[in-house]
């Protein structure tokens, strides 16, 4: 059984792992979520959400019961986190700050995390750049990069 008449939440999207490109119309699996899917409408991409309790069935291209959907999401690439040795960033990371991120201005694929006075350097997964306005790793063309 599936929910053909259920209401779906739809939001414009730009998934880094999928592009509608020349796809005119269609529904495609979301690269990181079983409860979402991507809709292409004349090259415009939208993230769509299945109703509660349902997963996207990539074979039937609709929301279905999880047992029928057979959705498998690959594990997300891991970022590399290492202590910032030799860095004098203490003025940017006071002990009263619970959490803060800021870019590594010498490397567009890395950023720093400040947590209560401790600074850690994080490297984005291969091929991704740090998007300092969104506090996340993104495709190179989507991430503004200003190297010093």
N, C-alpha and C. Protein backbone atom coordinates (compact mmCIF):
# COMPACT_ATOMS: atom_id res chain seq x y z
N UNK A 1 0.84 -1.19 0.00
CA UNK A 1 0.00 0.00 0.00
C UNK A 1 0.87 1.24 0.00
N UNK A 2 0.34 2.29 -0.58
CA UNK A 2 1.05 3.55 -0.59
C UNK A 2 0.05 4.68 -0.42
N UNK A 3 0.57 5.85 -0.20
CA UNK A 3 -0.26 7.02 0.06
C UNK A 3 -0.23 7.93 -1.16
N UNK A 4 -1.12 7.69 -2.11
CA UNK A 4 -1.11 8.45 -3.36
C UNK A 4 -1.67 9.86 -3.19
N UNK A 5 -2.59 10.05 -2.28
CA UNK A 5 -3.23 11.36 -2.15
C UNK A 5 -2.73 12.19 -1.00
N UNK A 6 -1.63 11.77 -0.35
CA UNK A 6 -1.13 12.51 0.80
C UNK A 6 -0.48 13.82 0.38
N UNK A 7 -0.56 14.81 1.26
CA UNK A 7 0.08 16.08 1.00
C UNK A 7 1.57 15.97 1.25
N UNK A 8 2.36 16.61 0.42
CA UNK A 8 3.80 16.58 0.54
C UNK A 8 4.33 17.98 0.78
N UNK A 9 5.34 18.10 1.62
CA UNK A 9 6.03 19.38 1.78
C UNK A 9 7.06 19.48 0.67
N UNK A 10 7.13 20.62 0.01
CA UNK A 10 8.05 20.81 -1.10
C UNK A 10 8.85 22.08 -0.87
N UNK A 11 10.17 21.99 -1.03
CA UNK A 11 11.03 23.16 -0.89
C UNK A 11 12.04 23.17 -2.02
N UNK A 12 12.38 24.36 -2.55
CA UNK A 12 13.44 24.43 -3.57
C UNK A 12 14.73 23.91 -2.96
N UNK A 13 15.55 23.24 -3.76
CA UNK A 13 16.78 22.69 -3.21
C UNK A 13 17.90 22.72 -4.22
N UNK A 14 19.09 22.48 -3.71
CA UNK A 14 20.27 22.36 -4.55
C UNK A 14 21.16 21.29 -3.94
N UNK A 15 20.74 20.05 -4.04
CA UNK A 15 21.50 18.95 -3.47
C UNK A 15 22.84 18.83 -4.17
N UNK A 16 23.91 18.77 -3.37
CA UNK A 16 25.25 18.68 -3.93
C UNK A 16 25.48 17.36 -4.65
N UNK A 17 24.77 16.29 -4.23
CA UNK A 17 25.01 14.97 -4.79
C UNK A 17 24.10 14.65 -5.98
N UNK A 18 23.19 15.53 -6.33
CA UNK A 18 22.25 15.27 -7.41
C UNK A 18 21.93 16.57 -8.12
N UNK A 19 21.74 16.49 -9.42
CA UNK A 19 21.35 17.66 -10.19
C UNK A 19 20.32 17.25 -11.22
N UNK A 20 19.27 18.02 -11.33
CA UNK A 20 18.25 17.71 -12.33
C UNK A 20 18.81 17.83 -13.74
N UNK A 21 19.74 18.78 -13.91
CA UNK A 21 20.35 18.94 -15.23
C UNK A 21 19.30 19.09 -16.32
N UNK A 22 19.27 18.15 -17.24
CA UNK A 22 18.33 18.22 -18.36
C UNK A 22 17.07 17.40 -18.10
N UNK A 23 16.92 16.86 -16.88
CA UNK A 23 15.72 16.09 -16.56
C UNK A 23 14.52 17.02 -16.56
N UNK A 24 13.52 16.72 -17.37
CA UNK A 24 12.34 17.57 -17.41
C UNK A 24 11.42 17.33 -16.22
N UNK A 25 10.96 16.13 -16.07
CA UNK A 25 10.04 15.79 -14.99
C UNK A 25 10.45 14.46 -14.37
N UNK A 26 10.25 14.33 -13.07
CA UNK A 26 10.51 13.04 -12.44
C UNK A 26 10.83 13.16 -10.98
N UNK A 27 10.77 12.02 -10.29
CA UNK A 27 11.09 11.91 -8.88
C UNK A 27 12.30 11.00 -8.74
N UNK A 28 13.26 11.40 -7.88
CA UNK A 28 14.51 10.67 -7.74
C UNK A 28 14.85 10.53 -6.26
N UNK A 29 15.55 9.46 -5.89
CA UNK A 29 15.91 9.28 -4.47
C UNK A 29 16.78 10.43 -3.97
N UNK A 30 16.57 10.79 -2.71
CA UNK A 30 17.41 11.79 -2.06
C UNK A 30 18.72 11.09 -1.68
N UNK A 31 19.87 11.75 -1.84
CA UNK A 31 21.13 11.07 -1.59
C UNK A 31 21.42 10.75 -0.12
N UNK A 32 20.72 11.43 0.82
CA UNK A 32 21.03 11.21 2.23
C UNK A 32 19.81 10.93 3.11
N UNK A 33 18.63 10.78 2.54
CA UNK A 33 17.43 10.60 3.36
C UNK A 33 16.44 9.68 2.69
N UNK A 34 15.89 8.74 3.45
CA UNK A 34 14.86 7.85 2.92
C UNK A 34 13.48 8.50 2.95
N UNK A 35 13.29 9.50 3.81
CA UNK A 35 11.98 10.13 3.94
C UNK A 35 11.82 11.34 3.03
N UNK A 36 12.86 11.65 2.26
CA UNK A 36 12.79 12.75 1.31
C UNK A 36 13.11 12.21 -0.08
N UNK A 37 12.74 12.97 -1.09
CA UNK A 37 13.11 12.64 -2.46
C UNK A 37 13.21 13.93 -3.24
N UNK A 38 13.82 13.85 -4.40
CA UNK A 38 14.03 15.04 -5.22
C UNK A 38 13.09 15.02 -6.41
N UNK A 39 12.46 16.13 -6.65
CA UNK A 39 11.57 16.28 -7.79
C UNK A 39 12.18 17.23 -8.79
N UNK A 40 12.15 16.86 -10.05
CA UNK A 40 12.65 17.73 -11.11
C UNK A 40 11.46 18.20 -11.95
N UNK A 41 11.37 19.50 -12.13
CA UNK A 41 10.33 20.10 -12.95
C UNK A 41 11.02 21.05 -13.93
N UNK A 42 11.19 20.58 -15.14
CA UNK A 42 11.84 21.34 -16.21
C UNK A 42 13.19 21.91 -15.76
N UNK A 43 14.01 21.04 -15.18
CA UNK A 43 15.35 21.41 -14.76
C UNK A 43 15.45 22.04 -13.39
N UNK A 44 14.34 22.45 -12.79
CA UNK A 44 14.33 23.03 -11.45
C UNK A 44 14.21 21.90 -10.44
N UNK A 45 15.04 21.92 -9.41
CA UNK A 45 15.07 20.85 -8.42
C UNK A 45 14.36 21.25 -7.14
N UNK A 46 13.57 20.32 -6.58
CA UNK A 46 12.84 20.54 -5.34
C UNK A 46 13.06 19.35 -4.42
N UNK A 47 13.22 19.63 -3.11
CA UNK A 47 13.26 18.56 -2.13
C UNK A 47 11.84 18.34 -1.65
N UNK A 48 11.41 17.08 -1.70
CA UNK A 48 10.05 16.73 -1.30
C UNK A 48 10.12 15.78 -0.12
N UNK A 49 9.16 15.88 0.78
CA UNK A 49 9.15 15.09 2.00
C UNK A 49 7.97 14.14 1.98
N UNK A 50 8.24 12.87 2.23
CA UNK A 50 7.15 11.90 2.33
C UNK A 50 6.33 12.16 3.59
N UNK A 51 5.07 11.79 3.58
CA UNK A 51 4.27 11.90 4.80
C UNK A 51 4.88 11.05 5.91
N UNK A 52 4.59 11.39 7.13
CA UNK A 52 5.15 10.71 8.30
C UNK A 52 4.96 9.19 8.22
N UNK A 53 6.05 8.47 8.47
CA UNK A 53 6.00 7.01 8.49
C UNK A 53 6.27 6.35 7.15
N UNK A 54 6.42 7.15 6.09
CA UNK A 54 6.65 6.58 4.76
C UNK A 54 8.06 6.93 4.26
N UNK A 55 8.58 6.08 3.39
CA UNK A 55 9.87 6.31 2.74
C UNK A 55 9.67 6.38 1.24
N UNK A 56 10.62 7.02 0.56
CA UNK A 56 10.55 7.08 -0.89
C UNK A 56 10.95 5.73 -1.49
N UNK A 57 10.12 5.22 -2.39
CA UNK A 57 10.40 3.96 -3.08
C UNK A 57 11.01 4.31 -4.43
N UNK A 58 12.33 4.07 -4.62
CA UNK A 58 12.99 4.48 -5.86
C UNK A 58 12.56 3.65 -7.08
N UNK A 59 11.98 2.49 -6.85
CA UNK A 59 11.51 1.66 -7.97
C UNK A 59 10.18 2.16 -8.51
N UNK A 60 9.27 2.49 -7.58
CA UNK A 60 7.94 2.96 -7.97
C UNK A 60 7.86 4.49 -8.08
N UNK A 61 8.88 5.19 -7.60
CA UNK A 61 8.95 6.66 -7.63
C UNK A 61 7.80 7.31 -6.87
N UNK A 62 7.54 6.78 -5.66
CA UNK A 62 6.51 7.35 -4.79
C UNK A 62 6.79 6.99 -3.35
N UNK A 63 6.05 7.62 -2.43
CA UNK A 63 6.21 7.32 -1.01
C UNK A 63 5.47 6.03 -0.69
N UNK A 64 6.12 5.18 0.10
CA UNK A 64 5.62 3.83 0.34
C UNK A 64 5.98 3.44 1.78
N UNK A 65 5.43 2.33 2.25
CA UNK A 65 5.79 1.82 3.57
C UNK A 65 7.25 1.43 3.55
N UNK A 66 7.99 1.67 4.65
CA UNK A 66 9.43 1.38 4.67
C UNK A 66 9.79 -0.04 4.23
N UNK A 67 9.00 -1.04 4.63
CA UNK A 67 9.30 -2.42 4.23
C UNK A 67 9.23 -2.60 2.72
N UNK A 68 8.38 -1.84 2.05
CA UNK A 68 8.24 -1.95 0.60
C UNK A 68 9.24 -1.06 -0.15
N UNK A 69 9.64 0.04 0.48
CA UNK A 69 10.46 1.03 -0.22
C UNK A 69 11.87 0.51 -0.52
N UNK A 70 12.44 -0.24 0.40
CA UNK A 70 13.79 -0.76 0.17
C UNK A 70 14.84 0.32 0.08
N UNK A 71 14.65 1.40 0.79
CA UNK A 71 15.59 2.53 0.73
C UNK A 71 16.87 2.19 1.49
N UNK A 72 17.99 2.47 0.85
CA UNK A 72 19.30 2.33 1.48
C UNK A 72 20.07 3.62 1.23
N UNK A 73 20.46 4.28 2.31
CA UNK A 73 21.20 5.53 2.20
C UNK A 73 22.67 5.23 2.51
N UNK A 74 23.58 5.61 1.60
CA UNK A 74 25.00 5.37 1.87
C UNK A 74 25.45 6.22 3.05
N UNK A 75 26.45 5.73 3.81
CA UNK A 75 26.94 6.54 4.92
C UNK A 75 27.56 7.84 4.42
N UNK A 76 27.39 8.88 5.20
CA UNK A 76 27.95 10.19 4.83
C UNK A 76 29.47 10.15 4.93
N UNK A 77 30.15 10.85 4.03
CA UNK A 77 31.60 10.91 4.13
C UNK A 77 32.02 11.54 5.45
N UNK A 78 33.10 11.07 5.99
CA UNK A 78 33.56 11.56 7.28
C UNK A 78 34.50 12.75 7.10
N UNK A 79 34.35 13.72 7.98
CA UNK A 79 35.28 14.84 7.98
C UNK A 79 36.45 14.48 8.88
N UNK A 80 37.56 15.12 8.65
CA UNK A 80 38.73 14.90 9.49
C UNK A 80 38.83 16.05 10.48
N UNK A 81 38.88 15.70 11.77
CA UNK A 81 39.00 16.70 12.82
C UNK A 81 40.34 16.48 13.51
N UNK A 82 41.11 17.53 13.62
CA UNK A 82 42.40 17.41 14.30
C UNK A 82 42.62 18.64 15.18
N UNK A 83 43.38 18.45 16.28
CA UNK A 83 43.66 19.60 17.14
C UNK A 83 44.46 20.65 16.37
N UNK A 84 44.25 21.87 16.71
CA UNK A 84 44.97 22.96 16.04
C UNK A 84 46.27 23.19 16.80
N UNK A 85 47.32 22.51 16.37
CA UNK A 85 48.61 22.67 17.03
C UNK A 85 49.39 23.78 16.33
N UNK A 86 50.02 24.61 17.12
CA UNK A 86 50.80 25.71 16.58
C UNK A 86 49.96 26.89 16.14
N UNK A 87 48.68 26.83 16.39
CA UNK A 87 47.78 27.94 16.01
C UNK A 87 47.62 28.87 17.21
N UNK A 88 47.66 30.15 16.97
CA UNK A 88 47.38 31.10 18.03
C UNK A 88 46.03 31.72 17.73
N UNK A 89 44.99 30.95 17.98
CA UNK A 89 43.63 31.41 17.70
C UNK A 89 42.86 31.66 18.99
N UNK A 90 43.57 31.74 20.11
CA UNK A 90 42.91 31.88 21.41
C UNK A 90 42.03 33.13 21.48
N UNK A 91 42.43 34.18 20.80
CA UNK A 91 41.61 35.40 20.84
C UNK A 91 40.30 35.22 20.08
N UNK A 92 40.26 34.24 19.17
CA UNK A 92 39.03 33.97 18.43
C UNK A 92 38.17 32.91 19.09
N UNK A 93 38.69 32.30 20.16
CA UNK A 93 37.95 31.21 20.80
C UNK A 93 38.01 31.32 22.33
N UNK A 94 37.29 32.29 22.88
CA UNK A 94 37.29 32.43 24.34
C UNK A 94 36.55 31.28 25.02
N UNK A 95 36.87 31.03 26.27
CA UNK A 95 36.32 29.88 27.00
C UNK A 95 34.81 29.98 27.24
N UNK A 96 34.24 31.15 27.17
CA UNK A 96 32.80 31.28 27.41
C UNK A 96 31.95 30.97 26.16
N UNK A 97 32.61 30.77 25.00
CA UNK A 97 31.87 30.47 23.77
C UNK A 97 31.58 28.98 23.72
N UNK A 98 30.30 28.62 23.64
CA UNK A 98 29.91 27.21 23.61
C UNK A 98 30.24 26.56 22.29
N UNK A 99 29.94 27.22 21.17
CA UNK A 99 30.21 26.64 19.85
C UNK A 99 30.27 27.74 18.81
N UNK A 100 31.28 27.65 17.95
CA UNK A 100 31.45 28.64 16.89
C UNK A 100 32.31 28.01 15.79
N UNK A 101 32.01 28.35 14.54
CA UNK A 101 32.82 27.90 13.40
C UNK A 101 33.36 29.11 12.67
N UNK A 102 34.58 28.97 12.13
CA UNK A 102 35.12 30.02 11.27
C UNK A 102 36.06 29.39 10.25
N UNK A 103 36.18 30.00 9.07
CA UNK A 103 36.97 29.40 7.99
C UNK A 103 38.47 29.42 8.25
N UNK A 104 39.15 28.49 7.63
CA UNK A 104 40.61 28.53 7.55
C UNK A 104 40.90 29.35 6.30
N UNK A 105 41.31 30.59 6.48
CA UNK A 105 41.46 31.51 5.35
C UNK A 105 42.61 31.13 4.43
N UNK A 106 43.39 30.10 4.79
CA UNK A 106 44.49 29.65 3.92
C UNK A 106 44.14 28.38 3.17
N UNK A 107 42.97 27.78 3.47
CA UNK A 107 42.58 26.51 2.85
C UNK A 107 41.06 26.45 2.77
N UNK A 108 40.51 26.53 1.56
CA UNK A 108 39.05 26.58 1.38
C UNK A 108 38.37 25.26 1.72
N UNK A 109 39.12 24.19 1.91
CA UNK A 109 38.52 22.90 2.23
C UNK A 109 38.50 22.66 3.74
N UNK A 110 38.89 23.66 4.54
CA UNK A 110 38.98 23.45 5.98
C UNK A 110 38.36 24.61 6.74
N UNK A 111 38.04 24.33 8.01
CA UNK A 111 37.51 25.35 8.91
C UNK A 111 37.85 24.98 10.34
N UNK A 112 37.58 25.88 11.26
CA UNK A 112 37.87 25.65 12.67
C UNK A 112 36.57 25.61 13.45
N UNK A 113 36.57 24.78 14.48
CA UNK A 113 35.46 24.73 15.43
C UNK A 113 36.01 25.18 16.78
N UNK A 114 35.32 26.13 17.37
CA UNK A 114 35.68 26.64 18.69
C UNK A 114 34.63 26.14 19.68
N UNK A 115 35.09 25.44 20.71
CA UNK A 115 34.20 24.94 21.75
C UNK A 115 34.83 25.21 23.11
N UNK A 116 34.30 26.17 23.83
CA UNK A 116 34.76 26.51 25.18
C UNK A 116 36.27 26.65 25.29
N UNK A 117 36.85 27.44 24.38
CA UNK A 117 38.27 27.73 24.42
C UNK A 117 39.16 26.73 23.70
N UNK A 118 38.59 25.64 23.19
CA UNK A 118 39.37 24.63 22.48
C UNK A 118 39.09 24.76 20.98
N UNK A 119 40.16 24.90 20.20
CA UNK A 119 40.04 25.05 18.76
C UNK A 119 40.44 23.74 18.08
N UNK A 120 39.59 23.28 17.16
CA UNK A 120 39.89 22.10 16.35
C UNK A 120 39.78 22.47 14.89
N UNK A 121 40.68 21.91 14.08
CA UNK A 121 40.64 22.15 12.63
C UNK A 121 39.92 20.99 11.98
N UNK A 122 38.97 21.29 11.09
CA UNK A 122 38.16 20.28 10.42
C UNK A 122 38.40 20.39 8.92
N UNK A 123 38.59 19.26 8.27
CA UNK A 123 38.76 19.22 6.82
C UNK A 123 37.50 18.62 6.21
N UNK A 124 36.93 19.28 5.21
CA UNK A 124 35.73 18.78 4.53
C UNK A 124 36.05 17.48 3.80
N UNK A 125 35.01 16.65 3.54
CA UNK A 125 35.23 15.45 2.72
C UNK A 125 35.79 15.84 1.35
N UNK A 126 36.49 14.90 0.75
CA UNK A 126 37.16 15.13 -0.53
C UNK A 126 36.23 15.75 -1.56
N UNK A 127 36.72 16.81 -2.21
CA UNK A 127 35.96 17.48 -3.26
C UNK A 127 35.04 18.58 -2.79
N UNK A 128 34.90 18.76 -1.48
CA UNK A 128 33.99 19.78 -0.95
C UNK A 128 34.78 20.93 -0.35
N UNK A 129 34.17 22.12 -0.36
CA UNK A 129 34.75 23.33 0.21
C UNK A 129 33.88 23.79 1.37
N UNK A 130 34.48 24.51 2.31
CA UNK A 130 33.74 25.03 3.44
C UNK A 130 32.95 26.28 3.03
N UNK A 131 31.66 26.26 3.29
CA UNK A 131 30.77 27.39 3.00
C UNK A 131 30.57 28.14 4.32
N UNK A 132 31.32 29.23 4.50
CA UNK A 132 31.33 29.91 5.80
C UNK A 132 30.01 30.59 6.16
N UNK A 133 29.14 30.83 5.21
CA UNK A 133 27.85 31.44 5.53
C UNK A 133 26.83 30.40 5.99
N UNK A 134 27.01 29.15 5.55
CA UNK A 134 26.07 28.09 5.92
C UNK A 134 26.63 27.15 6.98
N UNK A 135 27.89 27.32 7.38
CA UNK A 135 28.55 26.47 8.36
C UNK A 135 28.47 25.01 7.95
N UNK A 136 28.77 24.74 6.67
CA UNK A 136 28.75 23.36 6.20
C UNK A 136 29.67 23.22 4.99
N UNK A 137 29.98 21.98 4.63
CA UNK A 137 30.78 21.72 3.45
C UNK A 137 29.84 21.63 2.24
N UNK A 138 30.29 22.15 1.10
CA UNK A 138 29.43 22.23 -0.09
C UNK A 138 30.29 22.04 -1.33
N UNK A 139 29.63 21.90 -2.46
CA UNK A 139 30.34 21.81 -3.73
C UNK A 139 31.15 23.10 -3.94
N UNK A 140 32.27 22.98 -4.58
CA UNK A 140 33.19 24.10 -4.79
C UNK A 140 32.47 25.31 -5.40
N UNK A 141 31.65 25.09 -6.41
CA UNK A 141 30.99 26.20 -7.10
C UNK A 141 29.93 26.89 -6.24
N UNK A 142 29.50 26.23 -5.15
CA UNK A 142 28.49 26.81 -4.27
C UNK A 142 29.07 27.48 -3.04
N UNK A 143 30.37 27.26 -2.77
CA UNK A 143 30.99 27.77 -1.56
C UNK A 143 31.90 28.95 -1.86
N UNK A 144 31.61 30.14 -1.32
CA UNK A 144 32.50 31.27 -1.55
C UNK A 144 33.84 31.01 -0.86
N UNK A 145 34.92 31.28 -1.55
CA UNK A 145 36.25 31.01 -1.02
C UNK A 145 37.12 32.23 -1.20
N UNK A 146 37.66 32.72 -0.10
CA UNK A 146 38.55 33.88 -0.13
C UNK A 146 39.83 33.50 0.58
N UNK A 147 40.76 32.92 -0.15
CA UNK A 147 42.01 32.51 0.47
C UNK A 147 42.95 33.71 0.64
N UNK A 148 43.62 33.72 1.79
CA UNK A 148 44.57 34.81 2.07
C UNK A 148 45.87 34.55 1.34
